[in-house]
Amino acid sequence: MNRLFREQEVLKGKKMFRRGRFDPNGDSFFFSFEVKLPNGHVYPMYADLYDYPHSFPRLFVRRMLKDCNGKELSGCDGQMHVLSAQNGCTQLCYAHSSAWSPNLGLKYLVKRSYLWLIAYEAHLQTGKPIAYYLSN
């Protein structure tokens, strides 16, 4: 727990990070936070920190996002970098699980959220899949 609070303190100085809190929920532990983009848009997020830092955290937007055609981003889609939604929340595919290491932390999750959301908003403007922006 001390590690999590130290990591949260590091995030407080980052422009992309707004508000964070930890939420215990049964066997899981969640980190709720907001990501602010350069255009001022703010996205509420949460990370499922089950067995953190040893297991790959799952990352969600606290609402169901839609693509540029109005279709919900609720199922697995490699081009859109999303996994199966849960509880009405879009789950981000932000990295391969093999890329996770216990040395990474909350800062990594917030940065990956930020990059994904920048790509998502570019998708809304151009119609190109999120994969186009994350691989270029």
C-alpha atoms as a PDB file:
ATOM      1  CA  MET A   1       0.000   0.000   0.000  1.00  0.00           C
ATOM      2  CA  ASN A   2       2.836   2.423   0.763  1.00  0.00           C
ATOM      3  CA  ARG A   3       4.185   1.906  -2.752  1.00  0.00           C
ATOM      4  CA  LEU A   4       0.823   2.903  -4.240  1.00  0.00           C
ATOM      5  CA  PHE A   5       0.646   6.107  -2.237  1.00  0.00           C
ATOM      6  CA  ARG A   6       4.226   7.001  -3.220  1.00  0.00           C
ATOM      7  CA  GLU A   7       3.384   6.382  -6.862  1.00  0.00           C
ATOM      8  CA  GLN A   8       0.292   8.555  -6.601  1.00  0.00           C
ATOM      9  CA  GLU A   9       2.393  11.403  -5.152  1.00  0.00           C
ATOM     10  CA  VAL A  10       4.691  11.236  -8.197  1.00  0.00           C
ATOM     11  CA  LEU A  11       1.660  11.580 -10.481  1.00  0.00           C
ATOM     12  CA  LYS A  12       0.332  14.721  -8.810  1.00  0.00           C
ATOM     13  CA  GLY A  13       2.793  16.921 -10.695  1.00  0.00           C
ATOM     14  CA  LYS A  14       1.839  15.570 -14.137  1.00  0.00           C
ATOM     15  CA  LYS A  15      -0.377  17.753 -16.338  1.00  0.00           C
ATOM     16  CA  MET A  16      -2.211  14.761 -17.803  1.00  0.00           C
ATOM     17  CA  PHE A  17      -3.163  13.428 -14.357  1.00  0.00           C
ATOM     18  CA  ARG A  18      -6.125  14.700 -12.379  1.00  0.00           C
ATOM     19  CA  ARG A  19      -7.344  13.295  -9.089  1.00  0.00           C
ATOM     20  CA  GLY A  20      -6.626   9.772  -8.021  1.00  0.00           C
ATOM     21  CA  ARG A  21      -7.939   7.546  -5.286  1.00  0.00           C
ATOM     22  CA  PHE A  22      -7.763   3.914  -4.273  1.00  0.00           C
ATOM     23  CA  ASP A  23     -10.935   1.847  -3.938  1.00  0.00           C
ATOM     24  CA  PRO A  24     -10.870  -1.574  -2.282  1.00  0.00           C
ATOM     25  CA  ASN A  25     -13.613  -3.828  -3.698  1.00  0.00           C
ATOM     26  CA  GLY A  26     -13.704  -7.367  -2.342  1.00  0.00           C
ATOM     27  CA  ASP A  27     -10.679  -9.260  -3.635  1.00  0.00           C
ATOM     28  CA  SER A  28      -9.751  -6.476  -6.056  1.00  0.00           C
ATOM     29  CA  PHE A  29      -8.259  -3.066  -5.571  1.00  0.00           C
ATOM     30  CA  PHE A  30      -8.961  -0.198  -7.958  1.00  0.00           C
ATOM     31  CA  PHE A  31      -7.123   3.005  -8.733  1.00  0.00           C
ATOM     32  CA  SER A  32      -9.549   5.645  -9.990  1.00  0.00           C
ATOM     33  CA  PHE A  33      -8.136   8.665 -11.783  1.00  0.00           C
ATOM     34  CA  GLU A  34      -8.824  11.229 -14.487  1.00  0.00           C
ATOM     35  CA  VAL A  35      -6.781  11.918 -17.602  1.00  0.00           C
ATOM     36  CA  LYS A  36      -6.844  15.439 -19.005  1.00  0.00           C
ATOM     37  CA  LEU A  37      -5.970  15.900 -22.684  1.00  0.00           C
ATOM     38  CA  PRO A  38      -4.421  19.045 -24.205  1.00  0.00           C
ATOM     39  CA  ASN A  39      -7.825  20.046 -25.635  1.00  0.00           C
ATOM     40  CA  GLY A  40      -9.266  20.110 -22.110  1.00  0.00           C
ATOM     41  CA  HIS A  41     -11.286  16.894 -22.391  1.00  0.00           C
ATOM     42  CA  VAL A  42     -11.208  14.868 -19.189  1.00  0.00           C
ATOM     43  CA  TYR A  43     -11.748  11.112 -19.101  1.00  0.00           C
ATOM     44  CA  PRO A  44     -12.571   9.255 -15.882  1.00  0.00           C
ATOM     45  CA  MET A  45     -10.537   6.049 -15.702  1.00  0.00           C
ATOM     46  CA  TYR A  46      -9.837   3.156 -13.398  1.00  0.00           C
ATOM     47  CA  ALA A  47      -7.271   0.400 -13.198  1.00  0.00           C
ATOM     48  CA  ASP A  48      -7.994  -2.993 -11.682  1.00  0.00           C
ATOM     49  CA  LEU A  49      -4.938  -3.608  -9.513  1.00  0.00           C
ATOM     50  CA  TYR A  50      -5.620  -7.232  -8.640  1.00  0.00           C
ATOM     51  CA  ASP A  51      -2.310  -8.709  -7.402  1.00  0.00           C
ATOM     52  CA  TYR A  52      -0.508  -5.426  -8.138  1.00  0.00           C
ATOM     53  CA  PRO A  53       2.334  -5.002  -9.016  1.00  0.00           C
ATOM     54  CA  HIS A  54       2.818  -8.658  -9.977  1.00  0.00           C
ATOM     55  CA  SER A  55      -0.087  -8.962 -12.421  1.00  0.00           C
ATOM     56  CA  PHE A  56      -0.896  -6.927 -15.527  1.00  0.00           C
ATOM     57  CA  PRO A  57      -3.492  -4.291 -14.517  1.00  0.00           C
ATOM     58  CA  ARG A  58      -6.664  -3.993 -16.554  1.00  0.00           C
ATOM     59  CA  LEU A  59      -7.468  -0.427 -17.590  1.00  0.00           C
ATOM     60  CA  PHE A  60     -10.941   1.046 -18.193  1.00  0.00           C
ATOM     61  CA  VAL A  61     -12.656   4.287 -19.174  1.00  0.00           C
ATOM     62  CA  ARG A  62     -15.511   4.755 -16.690  1.00  0.00           C
ATOM     63  CA  ARG A  63     -18.068   4.862 -19.482  1.00  0.00           C
ATOM     64  CA  MET A  64     -18.772   3.153 -22.764  1.00  0.00           C
ATOM     65  CA  LEU A  65     -16.922   4.942 -25.543  1.00  0.00           C
ATOM     66  CA  LYS A  66     -18.211   4.937 -29.114  1.00  0.00           C
ATOM     67  CA  ASP A  67     -16.268   4.917 -32.349  1.00  0.00           C
ATOM     68  CA  CYS A  68     -16.584   7.577 -35.062  1.00  0.00           C
ATOM     69  CA  ASN A  69     -19.686   5.778 -36.425  1.00  0.00           C
ATOM     70  CA  GLY A  70     -21.462   5.657 -33.076  1.00  0.00           C
ATOM     71  CA  LYS A  71     -20.738   1.957 -32.416  1.00  0.00           C
ATOM     72  CA  GLU A  72     -19.929   1.074 -28.817  1.00  0.00           C
ATOM     73  CA  LEU A  73     -16.343   0.000 -28.127  1.00  0.00           C
ATOM     74  CA  SER A  74     -17.494  -2.950 -26.057  1.00  0.00           C
ATOM     75  CA  GLY A  75     -15.886  -6.033 -27.595  1.00  0.00           C
ATOM     76  CA  CYS A  76     -12.395  -7.214 -28.461  1.00  0.00           C
ATOM     77  CA  ASP A  77     -11.094  -5.317 -31.483  1.00  0.00           C
ATOM     78  CA  GLY A  78      -7.397  -5.239 -32.376  1.00  0.00           C
ATOM     79  CA  GLN A  79      -7.699  -2.263 -34.726  1.00  0.00           C
ATOM     80  CA  MET A  80      -9.412  -0.199 -32.053  1.00  0.00           C
ATOM     81  CA  HIS A  81      -7.199  -1.511 -29.214  1.00  0.00           C
ATOM     82  CA  VAL A  82     -10.096  -2.489 -26.953  1.00  0.00           C
ATOM     83  CA  LEU A  83     -10.884  -5.613 -24.957  1.00  0.00           C
ATOM     84  CA  SER A  84     -14.228  -6.857 -23.639  1.00  0.00           C
ATOM     85  CA  ALA A  85     -16.090  -4.159 -21.733  1.00  0.00           C
ATOM     86  CA  GLN A  86     -17.138  -4.658 -18.135  1.00  0.00           C
ATOM     87  CA  ASN A  87     -19.941  -2.976 -16.222  1.00  0.00           C
ATOM     88  CA  GLY A  88     -20.581  -0.564 -19.089  1.00  0.00           C
ATOM     89  CA  CYS A  89     -16.940   0.559 -19.208  1.00  0.00           C
ATOM     90  CA  THR A  90     -14.632   0.357 -22.227  1.00  0.00           C
ATOM     91  CA  GLN A  91     -11.513  -1.703 -21.490  1.00  0.00           C
ATOM     92  CA  LEU A  92      -8.337  -0.443 -23.145  1.00  0.00           C
ATOM     93  CA  CYS A  93      -5.777  -2.669 -24.785  1.00  0.00           C
ATOM     94  CA  TYR A  94      -2.836  -0.462 -23.842  1.00  0.00           C
ATOM     95  CA  ALA A  95       0.041  -2.983 -24.034  1.00  0.00           C
ATOM     96  CA  HIS A  96       0.674  -6.694 -24.309  1.00  0.00           C
ATOM     97  CA  SER A  97       0.531  -8.398 -20.934  1.00  0.00           C
ATOM     98  CA  SER A  98       4.081  -9.676 -21.448  1.00  0.00           C
ATOM     99  CA  ALA A  99       5.261  -6.040 -21.450  1.00  0.00           C
ATOM    100  CA  TRP A 100       4.252  -5.675 -17.791  1.00  0.00           C
ATOM    101  CA  SER A 101       6.877  -5.756 -15.089  1.00  0.00           C
ATOM    102  CA  PRO A 102       6.520  -5.150 -11.339  1.00  0.00           C
ATOM    103  CA  ASN A 103       9.005  -2.275 -11.881  1.00  0.00           C
ATOM    104  CA  LEU A 104       6.347  -0.396 -13.845  1.00  0.00           C
ATOM    105  CA  GLY A 105       3.718   1.471 -11.941  1.00  0.00           C
ATOM    106  CA  LEU A 106       0.794   3.842 -11.909  1.00  0.00           C
ATOM    107  CA  LYS A 107       2.745   6.418 -13.939  1.00  0.00           C
ATOM    108  CA  TYR A 108       3.003   3.866 -16.764  1.00  0.00           C
ATOM    109  CA  LEU A 109      -0.762   3.235 -16.636  1.00  0.00           C
ATOM    110  CA  VAL A 110      -1.585   6.947 -16.731  1.00  0.00           C
ATOM    111  CA  LYS A 111       0.823   7.571 -19.631  1.00  0.00           C
ATOM    112  CA  ARG A 112      -0.578   4.645 -21.611  1.00  0.00           C
ATOM    113  CA  SER A 113      -4.126   5.896 -20.930  1.00  0.00           C
ATOM    114  CA  TYR A 114      -3.131   9.345 -22.147  1.00  0.00           C
ATOM    115  CA  LEU A 115      -1.616   7.999 -25.387  1.00  0.00           C
ATOM    116  CA  TRP A 116      -4.610   5.761 -26.031  1.00  0.00           C
ATOM    117  CA  LEU A 117      -7.060   8.627 -25.481  1.00  0.00           C
ATOM    118  CA  ILE A 118      -5.099  10.940 -27.810  1.00  0.00           C
ATOM    119  CA  ALA A 119      -5.328   8.205 -30.471  1.00  0.00           C
ATOM    120  CA  TYR A 120      -9.046   7.736 -29.722  1.00  0.00           C
ATOM    121  CA  GLU A 121      -9.808  11.420 -30.236  1.00  0.00           C
ATOM    122  CA  ALA A 122      -7.771  11.418 -33.472  1.00  0.00           C
ATOM    123  CA  HIS A 123      -9.881   8.438 -34.589  1.00  0.00           C
ATOM    124  CA  LEU A 124     -13.061  10.420 -33.905  1.00  0.00           C
ATOM    125  CA  GLN A 125     -11.757  13.226 -36.152  1.00  0.00           C
ATOM    126  CA  THR A 126     -10.399  11.118 -39.024  1.00  0.00           C
ATOM    127  CA  GLY A 127     -12.118   7.731 -38.880  1.00  0.00           C
ATOM    128  CA  LYS A 128      -8.758   5.940 -38.906  1.00  0.00           C
ATOM    129  CA  PRO A 129      -8.489   3.099 -36.379  1.00  0.00           C
ATOM    130  CA  ILE A 130      -6.687   3.661 -33.107  1.00  0.00           C
ATOM    131  CA  ALA A 131      -4.055   1.140 -34.202  1.00  0.00           C
ATOM    132  CA  TYR A 132      -3.002   3.588 -36.950  1.00  0.00           C
ATOM    133  CA  TYR A 133      -2.011   6.182 -34.360  1.00  0.00           C
ATOM    134  CA  LEU A 134      -0.486   3.861 -31.798  1.00  0.00           C
ATOM    135  CA  SER A 135       1.801   2.203 -34.335  1.00  0.00           C
ATOM    136  CA  ASN A 136       2.997   5.430 -36.021  1.00  0.00           C
END
